[in-house]
Amino acid sequence: MASSGKKKTTMAKLTRESRLRERRLDKQARKDARKRAPAHDPDLLDPDGPGDTLDATTGESAHSDAGQPALEAVAPALGDA
């Protein structure tokens, strides 16, 4: 069967399809990267990165600052009273 010789797809459609394929490849790459990332690392899921997040149960900072000295207890111990 002979070809008609006329192009049936416009350049705009070819460009749209090309961009769509690229977006799908990018999306699949991000999905694969999330699967390979360790599930126990919350810093990868947090878009702001490690910061001053508070622990919901204690209200204290979830990240320890190694450069700062530890806070001393304000209330006396029960045995001292």
N, C-alpha and C. Protein backbone atom coordinates (compact mmCIF):
# COMPACT_ATOMS: atom_id res chain seq x y z
N MET A 1 0.85 -1.17 0.00
CA MET A 1 0.00 0.00 0.00
C MET A 1 0.89 1.23 0.00
N ALA A 2 0.60 2.17 -0.83
CA ALA A 2 1.41 3.37 -0.97
C ALA A 2 1.02 4.40 0.07
N SER A 3 2.01 5.19 0.51
CA SER A 3 1.71 6.25 1.47
C SER A 3 1.09 7.42 0.73
N SER A 4 0.31 8.18 1.43
CA SER A 4 -0.37 9.31 0.79
C SER A 4 0.56 10.48 0.55
N GLY A 5 1.70 10.49 1.23
CA GLY A 5 2.66 11.56 1.03
C GLY A 5 2.36 12.80 1.85
N LYS A 6 1.19 12.87 2.44
CA LYS A 6 0.82 14.03 3.24
C LYS A 6 1.04 13.71 4.72
N LYS A 7 1.66 14.64 5.41
CA LYS A 7 1.91 14.48 6.84
C LYS A 7 0.58 14.64 7.59
N LYS A 8 0.25 13.70 8.45
CA LYS A 8 -1.05 13.71 9.12
C LYS A 8 -1.00 14.30 10.52
N THR A 9 0.19 14.46 11.09
CA THR A 9 0.30 15.00 12.44
C THR A 9 1.04 16.34 12.39
N THR A 10 0.46 17.34 13.04
CA THR A 10 1.08 18.66 13.03
C THR A 10 2.26 18.70 14.00
N MET A 11 3.11 19.67 13.81
CA MET A 11 4.26 19.84 14.71
C MET A 11 3.79 20.17 16.12
N ALA A 12 2.69 20.89 16.25
CA ALA A 12 2.18 21.24 17.58
C ALA A 12 1.79 19.97 18.35
N LYS A 13 1.14 19.04 17.65
CA LYS A 13 0.76 17.80 18.31
C LYS A 13 1.99 16.98 18.67
N LEU A 14 2.95 16.92 17.78
CA LEU A 14 4.19 16.19 18.08
C LEU A 14 4.90 16.80 19.27
N THR A 15 4.91 18.13 19.37
CA THR A 15 5.55 18.81 20.50
C THR A 15 4.81 18.51 21.80
N ARG A 16 3.48 18.56 21.76
CA ARG A 16 2.69 18.25 22.96
C ARG A 16 2.96 16.83 23.44
N GLU A 17 2.98 15.89 22.51
CA GLU A 17 3.23 14.50 22.88
C GLU A 17 4.64 14.32 23.44
N SER A 18 5.58 15.03 22.88
CA SER A 18 6.96 14.96 23.38
C SER A 18 7.05 15.48 24.81
N ARG A 19 6.40 16.63 25.06
CA ARG A 19 6.42 17.18 26.43
C ARG A 19 5.73 16.25 27.40
N LEU A 20 4.64 15.62 26.97
CA LEU A 20 3.91 14.70 27.82
C LEU A 20 4.79 13.49 28.19
N ARG A 21 5.51 12.97 27.21
CA ARG A 21 6.41 11.85 27.49
C ARG A 21 7.49 12.26 28.49
N GLU A 22 8.04 13.47 28.34
CA GLU A 22 9.06 13.96 29.27
C GLU A 22 8.51 14.09 30.68
N ARG A 23 7.31 14.64 30.81
CA ARG A 23 6.69 14.79 32.14
C ARG A 23 6.46 13.43 32.78
N ARG A 24 6.02 12.47 32.00
CA ARG A 24 5.80 11.13 32.54
C ARG A 24 7.10 10.49 33.00
N LEU A 25 8.17 10.68 32.23
CA LEU A 25 9.46 10.14 32.64
C LEU A 25 9.96 10.80 33.92
N ASP A 26 9.79 12.12 34.03
CA ASP A 26 10.20 12.83 35.24
C ASP A 26 9.41 12.36 36.45
N LYS A 27 8.11 12.20 36.26
CA LYS A 27 7.25 11.76 37.36
C LYS A 27 7.66 10.35 37.81
N GLN A 28 7.93 9.47 36.87
CA GLN A 28 8.35 8.11 37.21
C GLN A 28 9.68 8.12 37.93
N ALA A 29 10.59 8.99 37.52
CA ALA A 29 11.89 9.09 38.18
C ALA A 29 11.73 9.56 39.62
N ARG A 30 10.86 10.55 39.85
CA ARG A 30 10.62 11.01 41.23
C ARG A 30 9.99 9.91 42.06
N LYS A 31 9.08 9.17 41.47
CA LYS A 31 8.41 8.08 42.18
C LYS A 31 9.42 7.00 42.57
N ASP A 32 10.30 6.65 41.64
CA ASP A 32 11.33 5.65 41.93
C ASP A 32 12.29 6.14 43.00
N ALA A 33 12.61 7.44 42.98
CA ALA A 33 13.51 7.99 43.99
C ALA A 33 12.88 7.93 45.37
N ARG A 34 11.57 8.19 45.46
CA ARG A 34 10.89 8.09 46.75
C ARG A 34 10.88 6.66 47.25
N LYS A 35 10.74 5.69 46.35
CA LYS A 35 10.74 4.30 46.77
C LYS A 35 12.12 3.88 47.29
N ARG A 36 13.19 4.40 46.68
CA ARG A 36 14.54 4.04 47.10
C ARG A 36 14.97 4.76 48.37
N ALA A 37 14.34 5.88 48.69
CA ALA A 37 14.72 6.65 49.86
C ALA A 37 14.37 5.87 51.12
N PRO A 38 15.19 6.01 52.17
CA PRO A 38 14.87 5.30 53.42
C PRO A 38 13.57 5.83 54.02
N ALA A 39 12.73 4.92 54.45
CA ALA A 39 11.41 5.29 54.96
C ALA A 39 11.50 5.91 56.35
N HIS A 40 12.56 5.66 57.10
CA HIS A 40 12.65 6.15 58.48
C HIS A 40 13.26 7.53 58.58
N ASP A 41 13.65 8.17 57.48
CA ASP A 41 14.28 9.48 57.53
C ASP A 41 13.24 10.58 57.28
N PRO A 42 12.73 11.24 58.32
CA PRO A 42 11.68 12.24 58.13
C PRO A 42 12.18 13.52 57.45
N ASP A 43 13.51 13.75 57.46
CA ASP A 43 14.05 14.96 56.84
C ASP A 43 13.85 14.96 55.33
N LEU A 44 13.78 13.79 54.71
CA LEU A 44 13.56 13.74 53.27
C LEU A 44 12.13 14.11 52.91
N LEU A 45 11.21 13.86 53.80
CA LEU A 45 9.82 14.19 53.54
C LEU A 45 9.50 15.63 53.88
N ASP A 46 10.28 16.25 54.77
CA ASP A 46 10.04 17.62 55.20
C ASP A 46 10.65 18.59 54.19
N PRO A 47 9.84 19.38 53.48
CA PRO A 47 10.41 20.28 52.47
C PRO A 47 11.27 21.38 53.07
N ASP A 48 11.07 21.72 54.36
CA ASP A 48 11.86 22.77 55.00
C ASP A 48 13.17 22.22 55.53
N GLY A 49 13.31 20.91 55.55
CA GLY A 49 14.52 20.29 56.06
C GLY A 49 14.48 20.24 57.57
N PRO A 50 15.60 19.87 58.20
CA PRO A 50 15.61 19.81 59.65
C PRO A 50 15.47 21.21 60.23
N GLY A 51 14.62 21.32 61.20
CA GLY A 51 14.39 22.64 61.76
C GLY A 51 13.89 22.53 63.17
N ASP A 52 13.11 23.50 63.59
CA ASP A 52 12.60 23.55 64.94
C ASP A 52 11.24 22.87 65.01
N THR A 53 11.20 21.60 64.68
CA THR A 53 9.96 20.86 64.80
C THR A 53 9.79 20.43 66.23
N LEU A 54 8.56 20.43 66.71
CA LEU A 54 8.28 20.06 68.09
C LEU A 54 7.71 18.67 68.14
N ASP A 55 8.08 17.96 69.19
CA ASP A 55 7.51 16.65 69.43
C ASP A 55 6.10 16.86 69.97
N ALA A 56 5.12 16.18 69.40
CA ALA A 56 3.72 16.41 69.76
C ALA A 56 3.42 15.99 71.20
N THR A 57 4.14 15.01 71.73
CA THR A 57 3.83 14.53 73.07
C THR A 57 4.49 15.36 74.16
N THR A 58 5.71 15.85 73.95
CA THR A 58 6.41 16.56 75.01
C THR A 58 6.50 18.06 74.78
N GLY A 59 6.33 18.51 73.55
CA GLY A 59 6.45 19.93 73.27
C GLY A 59 7.90 20.38 73.17
N GLU A 60 8.83 19.43 73.20
CA GLU A 60 10.24 19.75 73.09
C GLU A 60 10.69 19.62 71.65
N SER A 61 11.80 20.22 71.36
CA SER A 61 12.35 20.14 70.01
C SER A 61 12.70 18.69 69.69
N ALA A 62 12.34 18.26 68.49
CA ALA A 62 12.61 16.89 68.09
C ALA A 62 14.08 16.67 67.77
N HIS A 63 14.81 17.72 67.42
CA HIS A 63 16.22 17.61 67.08
C HIS A 63 17.06 18.10 68.25
N SER A 64 18.08 17.32 68.61
CA SER A 64 18.96 17.75 69.70
C SER A 64 20.06 18.62 69.12
N ASP A 65 20.40 19.67 69.83
CA ASP A 65 21.48 20.56 69.41
C ASP A 65 22.72 20.20 70.19
N ALA A 66 23.70 19.61 69.53
CA ALA A 66 24.90 19.13 70.20
C ALA A 66 25.78 20.30 70.65
N GLY A 67 25.69 21.45 70.00
CA GLY A 67 26.54 22.58 70.33
C GLY A 67 26.07 23.37 71.53
N GLN A 68 24.85 23.17 71.98
CA GLN A 68 24.31 23.95 73.10
C GLN A 68 24.35 23.11 74.37
N PRO A 69 24.59 23.75 75.53
CA PRO A 69 24.59 22.99 76.78
C PRO A 69 23.17 22.56 77.15
N ALA A 70 23.08 21.47 77.87
CA ALA A 70 21.78 20.97 78.29
C ALA A 70 21.19 21.90 79.35
N LEU A 71 19.87 22.00 79.35
CA LEU A 71 19.19 22.84 80.34
C LEU A 71 19.17 22.12 81.68
N GLU A 72 19.31 22.89 82.76
CA GLU A 72 19.26 22.31 84.09
C GLU A 72 17.81 22.26 84.56
N ALA A 73 17.53 21.34 85.44
CA ALA A 73 16.17 21.20 85.97
C ALA A 73 15.87 22.40 86.85
N VAL A 74 14.67 22.96 86.73
CA VAL A 74 14.27 24.13 87.50
C VAL A 74 13.69 23.71 88.85
N ALA A 75 12.87 22.68 88.86
CA ALA A 75 12.23 22.23 90.10
C ALA A 75 13.19 21.30 90.84
N PRO A 76 13.21 21.38 92.19
CA PRO A 76 14.07 20.47 92.95
C PRO A 76 13.57 19.03 92.84
N ALA A 77 14.44 18.10 93.00
CA ALA A 77 14.07 16.69 92.94
C ALA A 77 13.17 16.35 94.12
N LEU A 78 12.37 15.32 93.99
CA LEU A 78 11.42 14.93 95.05
C LEU A 78 12.13 14.55 96.35
N GLY A 79 13.28 13.98 96.27
CA GLY A 79 14.02 13.58 97.47
C GLY A 79 14.58 14.77 98.23
N ASP A 80 14.78 15.93 97.58
CA ASP A 80 15.33 17.11 98.23
C ASP A 80 14.28 17.88 99.03
N ALA A 81 13.01 17.69 98.78
CA ALA A 81 11.97 18.48 99.41
C ALA A 81 11.61 18.06 100.79
